[in-house]
N, C-alpha and C. Protein backbone atom coordinates (compact mmCIF):
# COMPACT_ATOMS: atom_id res chain seq x y z
N MET A 1 0.92 -1.47 0.25
CA MET A 1 0.17 -0.37 -0.16
C MET A 1 0.69 1.11 0.01
N SER A 2 1.71 1.28 0.03
CA SER A 2 3.09 2.01 0.21
C SER A 2 3.07 2.90 -1.31
N GLN A 3 3.22 3.90 -1.12
CA GLN A 3 3.46 5.14 -2.80
C GLN A 3 4.49 5.39 -2.78
N LYS A 4 5.25 5.47 -3.50
CA LYS A 4 6.31 6.40 -3.05
C LYS A 4 5.87 7.83 -4.25
N ILE A 5 6.70 9.20 -3.24
CA ILE A 5 6.10 10.56 -3.82
C ILE A 5 6.33 11.07 -5.11
N ASP A 6 5.92 11.13 -5.94
CA ASP A 6 6.36 11.54 -7.36
C ASP A 6 6.64 13.03 -7.25
N ARG A 7 8.36 12.65 -7.34
CA ARG A 7 9.03 14.33 -6.81
C ARG A 7 9.18 15.19 -8.02
N SER A 8 8.88 14.61 -8.86
CA SER A 8 8.42 15.62 -9.79
C SER A 8 7.56 17.17 -10.20
N LYS A 9 6.13 16.19 -8.94
CA LYS A 9 5.57 17.27 -8.52
C LYS A 9 4.89 17.84 -7.76
N LEU A 10 6.43 17.53 -6.95
CA LEU A 10 6.72 18.75 -5.75
C LEU A 10 6.84 20.31 -5.96
N ILE A 11 6.64 21.01 -5.48
CA ILE A 11 7.04 22.20 -5.37
C ILE A 11 8.40 22.01 -4.86
N ILE A 12 8.51 21.32 -4.03
CA ILE A 12 10.20 21.37 -3.06
C ILE A 12 10.42 20.19 -3.62
N PRO A 13 10.94 19.55 -4.65
CA PRO A 13 11.31 17.88 -4.41
C PRO A 13 12.14 17.55 -3.52
N ALA A 14 12.58 18.40 -3.39
CA ALA A 14 13.97 17.91 -1.60
C ALA A 14 12.96 17.23 -0.63
N LEU A 15 11.72 17.31 -0.77
CA LEU A 15 11.13 16.90 0.59
C LEU A 15 10.00 15.99 0.08
N GLY A 16 10.54 15.24 -1.33
CA GLY A 16 10.24 14.24 -1.26
C GLY A 16 10.20 12.99 -0.17
N GLY A 17 11.82 12.84 0.09
CA GLY A 17 12.30 11.84 0.95
C GLY A 17 11.78 11.54 2.12
N ILE A 18 11.28 12.79 2.60
CA ILE A 18 10.67 13.17 4.17
C ILE A 18 9.13 12.49 4.16
N TYR A 19 8.94 12.96 2.79
CA TYR A 19 7.54 12.34 2.60
C TYR A 19 7.14 11.03 2.62
N ASP A 20 8.36 10.31 2.10
CA ASP A 20 7.72 8.73 2.02
C ASP A 20 8.27 8.15 2.78
N ARG A 21 9.16 8.48 3.96
CA ARG A 21 9.40 8.07 4.85
C ARG A 21 8.48 7.93 6.44
N LEU A 22 7.70 9.07 6.24
CA LEU A 22 6.49 9.92 7.57
C LEU A 22 5.23 9.58 6.71
N ALA A 23 5.28 9.29 5.64
CA ALA A 23 3.34 9.21 5.03
C ALA A 23 2.98 8.11 6.12
N PRO A 24 3.52 6.69 6.10
CA PRO A 24 2.98 5.71 6.71
C PRO A 24 2.30 5.95 7.79
N PHE A 25 3.12 6.91 8.65
CA PHE A 25 3.00 7.35 9.99
C PHE A 25 1.35 8.00 10.08
N SER A 26 0.99 9.03 8.82
CA SER A 26 0.25 10.32 9.37
C SER A 26 -1.60 9.85 9.78
N TYR A 27 -1.92 8.51 9.18
CA TYR A 27 -2.85 7.77 9.48
C TYR A 27 -2.95 7.42 11.33
N ALA A 28 -1.69 7.18 11.59
CA ALA A 28 -1.40 7.14 13.12
C ALA A 28 -1.75 8.58 13.83
N PHE A 29 -1.02 8.81 13.23
CA PHE A 29 -0.88 10.37 13.65
C PHE A 29 -2.15 10.75 13.95
N MET A 30 -2.83 10.78 12.89
CA MET A 30 -4.40 11.54 12.70
C MET A 30 -5.45 11.04 13.74
N ARG A 31 -5.43 9.66 13.96
CA ARG A 31 -5.94 8.72 14.96
C ARG A 31 -5.36 9.39 16.37
N PHE A 32 -4.24 9.12 16.46
CA PHE A 32 -3.78 9.76 17.93
C PHE A 32 -4.22 10.84 18.22
N ALA A 33 -3.98 11.74 17.06
CA ALA A 33 -4.36 13.39 17.61
C ALA A 33 -5.74 13.14 18.09
N THR A 34 -7.16 12.69 17.38
CA THR A 34 -8.10 12.95 17.69
C THR A 34 -8.60 12.46 19.15
N GLY A 35 -8.32 11.58 18.93
CA GLY A 35 -8.67 11.20 20.54
C GLY A 35 -7.53 12.02 21.96
N ALA A 36 -6.62 12.14 21.61
CA ALA A 36 -5.62 12.87 22.70
C ALA A 36 -5.89 14.07 22.50
N VAL A 37 -6.61 14.97 21.90
CA VAL A 37 -7.03 16.60 22.04
C VAL A 37 -7.89 16.19 22.87
N LEU A 38 -9.23 14.99 22.79
CA LEU A 38 -10.52 15.01 23.38
C LEU A 38 -10.14 14.19 24.86
N VAL A 39 -9.21 13.77 25.43
CA VAL A 39 -9.07 13.20 26.24
C VAL A 39 -8.89 13.83 27.58
N PRO A 40 -8.11 15.37 27.13
CA PRO A 40 -8.48 16.81 28.85
C PRO A 40 -9.59 16.68 28.57
N HIS A 41 -10.86 16.96 28.06
CA HIS A 41 -12.08 17.26 28.28
C HIS A 41 -12.83 16.08 28.75
N GLY A 42 -12.67 14.74 29.15
CA GLY A 42 -12.96 13.79 29.60
C GLY A 42 -12.19 14.26 31.05
N VAL A 43 -11.60 14.18 31.09
CA VAL A 43 -10.37 14.05 32.21
C VAL A 43 -10.94 15.12 33.15
N GLN A 44 -11.44 16.08 33.09
CA GLN A 44 -11.63 17.40 33.57
C GLN A 44 -12.90 17.04 33.93
N LYS A 45 -13.96 16.79 33.36
CA LYS A 45 -15.57 16.17 33.53
C LYS A 45 -15.52 15.59 34.82
N LEU A 46 -14.00 14.36 34.87
CA LEU A 46 -14.16 13.21 35.80
C LEU A 46 -13.69 14.06 36.96
N LEU A 47 -12.53 15.07 37.61
CA LEU A 47 -12.03 15.67 38.10
C LEU A 47 -12.77 16.60 38.78
N PHE A 48 -13.58 17.20 38.18
CA PHE A 48 -14.09 18.48 38.26
C PHE A 48 -15.54 19.40 38.15
N ASN A 49 -16.46 17.81 37.66
CA ASN A 49 -17.76 17.53 37.62
C ASN A 49 -18.51 16.18 38.10
N SER A 50 -19.84 16.71 37.68
CA SER A 50 -20.12 15.46 38.69
C SER A 50 -21.39 14.87 37.55
N THR A 51 -21.64 14.26 37.54
CA THR A 51 -22.89 13.32 36.25
C THR A 51 -24.07 14.40 36.69
N ASP A 52 -24.35 14.69 37.86
CA ASP A 52 -25.71 14.88 38.12
C ASP A 52 -25.56 16.79 37.50
N THR A 53 -24.56 17.35 37.32
CA THR A 53 -24.66 18.82 36.85
C THR A 53 -24.45 18.29 35.13
N PHE A 54 -23.77 17.37 34.33
CA PHE A 54 -24.25 17.25 33.62
C PHE A 54 -25.56 16.71 33.02
N ALA A 55 -25.99 15.78 33.95
CA ALA A 55 -27.22 15.41 33.79
C ALA A 55 -28.47 16.56 33.50
N GLY A 56 -28.39 17.75 34.52
CA GLY A 56 -29.33 18.99 34.27
C GLY A 56 -29.43 19.54 32.75
N ASN A 57 -27.80 19.32 32.30
CA ASN A 57 -28.06 20.44 31.02
C ASN A 57 -28.43 19.19 30.35
N ILE A 58 -28.35 18.33 30.21
CA ILE A 58 -29.07 17.28 29.29
C ILE A 58 -30.71 17.22 29.52
N SER A 59 -31.06 17.36 30.93
CA SER A 59 -32.01 17.45 30.49
C SER A 59 -33.01 18.43 30.33
N SER A 60 -32.07 19.59 30.20
CA SER A 60 -32.77 20.71 30.48
C SER A 60 -32.71 21.23 28.44
N LYS A 61 -32.49 20.44 27.99
CA LYS A 61 -32.80 20.47 26.15
C LYS A 61 -34.11 19.51 25.80
N GLY A 62 -34.55 18.60 26.96
CA GLY A 62 -35.51 17.53 26.36
C GLY A 62 -34.87 16.20 26.31
N LEU A 63 -33.91 15.92 26.19
CA LEU A 63 -33.49 14.83 26.37
C LEU A 63 -34.16 13.48 27.38
N PRO A 64 -34.42 12.42 27.26
CA PRO A 64 -34.51 11.39 27.98
C PRO A 64 -33.38 10.84 28.56
N PHE A 65 -33.43 10.48 29.74
CA PHE A 65 -32.45 9.42 30.51
C PHE A 65 -31.04 10.28 30.50
N ALA A 66 -31.41 11.54 31.16
CA ALA A 66 -30.23 12.20 31.38
C ALA A 66 -29.48 11.84 31.71
N THR A 67 -29.09 11.20 32.90
CA THR A 67 -28.04 10.38 33.92
C THR A 67 -27.28 9.40 33.12
N VAL A 68 -28.04 8.49 32.66
CA VAL A 68 -27.21 7.62 31.50
C VAL A 68 -26.55 8.32 30.60
N LEU A 69 -27.36 9.54 29.65
CA LEU A 69 -26.85 9.75 28.73
C LEU A 69 -25.37 10.87 29.10
N ALA A 70 -25.69 11.48 30.86
CA ALA A 70 -24.31 12.10 31.61
C ALA A 70 -23.31 11.48 31.69
N VAL A 71 -23.31 9.79 32.35
CA VAL A 71 -22.65 8.39 32.09
C VAL A 71 -21.14 8.67 31.02
N LEU A 72 -22.62 8.13 29.84
CA LEU A 72 -21.77 8.18 29.05
C LEU A 72 -20.93 9.41 27.83
N VAL A 73 -21.82 10.58 28.41
CA VAL A 73 -20.47 11.16 27.85
C VAL A 73 -19.22 11.32 28.70
N PHE A 74 -18.97 11.02 30.19
CA PHE A 74 -17.65 10.88 30.73
C PHE A 74 -17.36 9.64 30.11
N ILE A 75 -17.39 8.40 29.71
CA ILE A 75 -17.32 7.20 29.52
C ILE A 75 -16.45 7.72 28.16
N SER A 76 -16.91 8.01 26.95
CA SER A 76 -16.65 8.75 25.86
C SER A 76 -15.56 9.63 25.85
N GLU A 77 -15.88 10.54 26.57
CA GLU A 77 -14.60 11.89 26.42
C GLU A 77 -13.26 11.45 27.07
N SER A 78 -13.04 10.03 28.34
CA SER A 78 -12.49 9.73 28.89
C SER A 78 -11.28 8.34 28.42
N VAL A 79 -12.52 7.17 28.87
CA VAL A 79 -11.91 5.68 28.16
C VAL A 79 -12.01 5.96 26.55
N GLY A 80 -13.05 6.24 25.89
CA GLY A 80 -13.38 6.47 23.97
C GLY A 80 -12.37 7.06 24.01
N ALA A 81 -12.10 8.14 24.21
CA ALA A 81 -11.00 9.11 23.69
C ALA A 81 -9.12 8.33 23.63
N ALA A 82 -9.14 7.75 24.69
CA ALA A 82 -8.02 7.28 25.25
C ALA A 82 -7.65 5.86 24.49
N CYS A 83 -8.96 4.96 23.82
CA CYS A 83 -9.18 4.17 23.36
C CYS A 83 -8.65 4.53 21.84
N LEU A 84 -9.56 5.75 21.59
CA LEU A 84 -9.61 5.98 20.09
C LEU A 84 -7.65 6.02 20.18
N ALA A 85 -6.61 7.29 20.95
CA ALA A 85 -5.54 7.47 20.78
C ALA A 85 -5.08 6.13 20.83
N LEU A 86 -5.03 5.53 21.26
CA LEU A 86 -4.19 4.30 21.09
C LEU A 86 -4.57 2.96 20.51
N GLY A 87 -5.89 3.02 19.36
CA GLY A 87 -6.16 2.58 18.59
C GLY A 87 -6.53 0.94 19.42
N LEU A 88 -7.79 1.27 20.01
CA LEU A 88 -7.40 0.03 21.17
C LEU A 88 -9.32 0.01 21.16
N PHE A 89 -10.06 -1.10 20.81
CA PHE A 89 -11.62 -0.84 20.49
C PHE A 89 -11.72 0.33 19.48
N THR A 90 -11.07 0.52 18.64
CA THR A 90 -11.40 1.93 17.57
C THR A 90 -12.15 2.19 17.13
N ARG A 91 -13.12 1.22 16.60
CA ARG A 91 -14.27 0.88 15.54
C ARG A 91 -15.17 1.78 16.81
N ILE A 92 -15.34 1.15 17.69
CA ILE A 92 -16.46 1.16 18.83
C ILE A 92 -16.29 2.49 19.83
N ALA A 93 -14.77 2.97 20.09
CA ALA A 93 -14.07 4.36 20.65
C ALA A 93 -15.29 5.33 19.64
N ALA A 94 -14.49 5.09 18.41
CA ALA A 94 -14.73 5.92 16.79
C ALA A 94 -16.56 6.13 17.26
N ALA A 95 -17.47 5.34 17.44
CA ALA A 95 -18.69 5.27 17.24
C ALA A 95 -19.12 6.24 18.02
N MET A 96 -18.88 5.88 19.35
CA MET A 96 -19.09 6.58 20.67
C MET A 96 -18.79 7.93 20.41
N ILE A 97 -17.58 8.95 20.07
CA ILE A 97 -17.61 9.80 19.92
C ILE A 97 -18.63 10.18 19.08
N PHE A 98 -18.54 9.97 17.75
CA PHE A 98 -18.92 10.39 16.50
C PHE A 98 -20.97 10.59 16.99
N ILE A 99 -21.80 9.66 17.43
CA ILE A 99 -22.52 9.75 18.55
C ILE A 99 -22.79 11.11 19.72
N GLN A 100 -21.88 10.99 20.34
CA GLN A 100 -21.92 11.85 21.16
C GLN A 100 -21.47 13.34 20.26
N MET A 101 -20.85 13.63 19.38
CA MET A 101 -20.84 14.88 18.65
C MET A 101 -21.39 15.27 18.00
N THR A 102 -22.60 13.82 17.40
CA THR A 102 -23.95 13.96 16.91
C THR A 102 -25.10 15.09 17.61
N VAL A 103 -24.84 14.63 19.10
CA VAL A 103 -25.99 14.99 19.79
C VAL A 103 -25.62 16.57 20.17
N ILE A 104 -24.43 16.65 20.13
CA ILE A 104 -23.80 18.00 20.74
C ILE A 104 -23.97 18.42 19.94
N ILE A 105 -23.72 18.19 18.59
CA ILE A 105 -24.10 19.58 17.72
C ILE A 105 -25.15 19.71 17.51
N LEU A 106 -26.52 18.65 17.60
CA LEU A 106 -27.75 18.82 17.31
C LEU A 106 -28.55 19.63 18.13
N PHE A 107 -28.27 19.25 19.60
CA PHE A 107 -29.02 19.56 20.66
C PHE A 107 -28.55 20.83 21.67
N PHE A 108 -26.91 21.01 21.63
CA PHE A 108 -26.32 22.29 22.01
C PHE A 108 -25.50 23.08 21.05
N GLN A 109 -25.75 23.08 19.75
CA GLN A 109 -24.47 24.14 18.80
C GLN A 109 -25.12 24.52 17.95
N TRP A 110 -26.14 23.51 17.35
CA TRP A 110 -26.67 23.86 15.97
C TRP A 110 -27.24 25.26 16.06
N GLN A 111 -28.00 25.84 17.09
CA GLN A 111 -28.52 27.18 17.43
C GLN A 111 -27.56 28.53 16.83
N TYR A 112 -26.04 28.20 17.10
CA TYR A 112 -25.80 28.77 17.08
C TYR A 112 -24.23 29.26 16.74
N GLY A 113 -24.83 28.64 14.86
CA GLY A 113 -24.26 28.54 13.69
C GLY A 113 -23.06 27.96 13.66
N TYR A 114 -22.22 27.70 12.77
CA TYR A 114 -20.62 27.37 12.33
C TYR A 114 -19.70 27.60 13.37
N PHE A 115 -18.92 28.69 13.63
CA PHE A 115 -18.14 28.76 14.35
C PHE A 115 -18.27 28.93 15.75
N TRP A 116 -17.16 27.88 16.10
CA TRP A 116 -16.77 27.44 17.65
C TRP A 116 -16.35 28.59 18.98
N THR A 117 -16.13 29.93 17.97
CA THR A 117 -15.66 30.95 18.71
C THR A 117 -17.25 31.81 19.18
N ASN A 118 -18.30 31.39 18.22
CA ASN A 118 -19.76 31.72 19.03
C ASN A 118 -20.38 30.57 19.70
N ARG A 119 -19.32 29.62 20.06
CA ARG A 119 -20.65 28.32 20.58
C ARG A 119 -21.07 27.45 19.49
N GLY A 120 -20.54 27.48 18.22
CA GLY A 120 -21.28 26.99 17.46
C GLY A 120 -20.33 25.54 16.65
N ILE A 121 -20.99 24.95 15.80
CA ILE A 121 -20.49 23.66 15.14
C ILE A 121 -18.98 23.23 14.96
N GLU A 122 -18.53 24.03 14.56
CA GLU A 122 -17.44 23.74 14.43
C GLU A 122 -16.03 22.89 14.80
N TYR A 123 -15.99 23.03 16.13
CA TYR A 123 -15.43 22.11 16.39
C TYR A 123 -15.61 20.75 17.02
N ALA A 124 -17.06 20.61 17.55
CA ALA A 124 -17.56 19.55 16.99
C ALA A 124 -17.49 18.67 15.74
N LEU A 125 -18.34 19.04 15.17
CA LEU A 125 -18.14 18.78 13.57
C LEU A 125 -16.64 18.00 13.34
N LEU A 126 -15.46 18.79 13.59
CA LEU A 126 -13.79 18.64 13.34
C LEU A 126 -14.29 16.85 13.77
N TRP A 127 -14.82 16.94 14.78
CA TRP A 127 -14.30 15.63 15.82
C TRP A 127 -15.30 14.54 15.47
N TRP A 128 -16.88 14.77 14.65
CA TRP A 128 -18.02 14.12 14.06
C TRP A 128 -17.08 13.32 12.85
N LEU A 129 -16.63 14.34 11.85
CA LEU A 129 -15.57 13.77 10.74
C LEU A 129 -14.61 12.67 10.68
N LEU A 130 -13.83 13.23 11.49
CA LEU A 130 -12.58 12.51 11.70
C LEU A 130 -12.94 10.96 12.84
N CYS A 131 -13.89 10.97 13.43
CA CYS A 131 -14.82 9.98 13.74
C CYS A 131 -15.11 9.67 12.59
N LEU A 132 -15.87 9.56 12.36
CA LEU A 132 -16.74 8.61 10.62
C LEU A 132 -15.37 8.34 10.39
N ALA A 133 -14.48 8.80 9.73
CA ALA A 133 -13.85 8.43 9.07
C ALA A 133 -12.39 7.21 9.68
N ILE A 134 -12.66 7.22 10.58
CA ILE A 134 -11.89 6.31 11.88
C ILE A 134 -12.34 5.52 11.72
N PHE A 135 -13.77 5.36 12.03
CA PHE A 135 -14.96 4.42 12.15
C PHE A 135 -14.66 3.22 10.67
N PHE A 136 -14.53 3.65 9.78
CA PHE A 136 -14.25 3.08 8.22
C PHE A 136 -13.20 2.62 8.37
N ARG A 137 -12.43 3.63 8.47
CA ARG A 137 -10.45 2.83 8.16
C ARG A 137 -10.24 1.68 9.66
N GLY A 138 -10.58 1.86 10.74
CA GLY A 138 -10.50 1.40 11.99
C GLY A 138 -9.33 1.61 12.08
N GLY A 139 -8.22 0.67 13.29
CA GLY A 139 -7.36 1.10 14.34
C GLY A 139 -5.93 1.17 12.90
N GLY A 140 -5.46 1.04 11.88
CA GLY A 140 -4.41 0.65 11.54
C GLY A 140 -3.70 0.19 11.68
N ARG A 141 -1.92 0.22 11.09
CA ARG A 141 -0.82 -0.88 11.03
C ARG A 141 -0.49 -0.43 12.45
N TYR A 142 -0.27 0.93 12.90
CA TYR A 142 0.05 1.17 14.00
C TYR A 142 -0.96 1.38 15.28
N SER A 143 -1.79 0.05 15.59
CA SER A 143 -3.00 0.36 16.75
C SER A 143 -2.99 -0.86 17.40
N VAL A 144 -3.36 -0.99 18.83
CA VAL A 144 -3.23 -1.70 19.70
C VAL A 144 -4.11 -2.96 18.75
N ASP A 145 -5.18 -2.39 18.40
CA ASP A 145 -6.15 -3.84 17.66
C ASP A 145 -4.97 -4.79 16.77
N TYR A 146 -4.20 -4.11 15.60
CA TYR A 146 -3.35 -4.52 14.50
C TYR A 146 -3.26 -5.93 15.26
N TYR A 147 -2.17 -4.64 16.47
CA TYR A 147 -1.21 -5.91 17.28
C TYR A 147 -1.44 -7.15 18.40
N LEU A 148 -3.12 -7.36 18.24
CA LEU A 148 -3.82 -7.72 18.88
C LEU A 148 -4.36 -8.85 18.20
N GLY A 149 -4.54 -8.53 16.57
CA GLY A 149 -4.97 -9.07 15.68
C GLY A 149 -6.72 -9.08 15.50
N LYS A 150 -7.18 -7.99 15.93
CA LYS A 150 -8.52 -7.88 15.69
C LYS A 150 -8.63 -6.63 15.63
N GLU A 151 -9.41 -6.44 15.24
CA GLU A 151 -10.45 -4.90 14.36
C GLU A 151 -11.92 -4.89 15.40
N PHE A 152 -11.98 -4.12 16.12
CA PHE A 152 -12.92 -3.94 16.92
C PHE A 152 -14.42 -2.75 16.37
């Protein structure tokens, strides 16, 4: 699956060697970064918030089973994000985060428009898109799933 970079098409052909060496790691880096950037959000919730607080926010939007959903948010943003970064249970973790971001976009941020600087969907949409792609691709060559010999 490794393809050589066509140096004749590069603006700076001397960079072709670097591209050739690092390209195989690009998907793993993207998957790791997607999970790793979300982990602090989950850790912050675990350390400084309660599920009751989140349940109140969730029920204020008219969603049922607010306490269950709050617990799922805590799990998805901490355990799920860590699993995504490591490539462990990758498809399950990506699906969990994808579903969470769908709810966040539709029920909590849609009304504010696109830009995250105005509480809009932009940031959650990026995670949503990344997790969709990761769900279809799986953990990849540099993941715990790969070394376990199973794609979850």
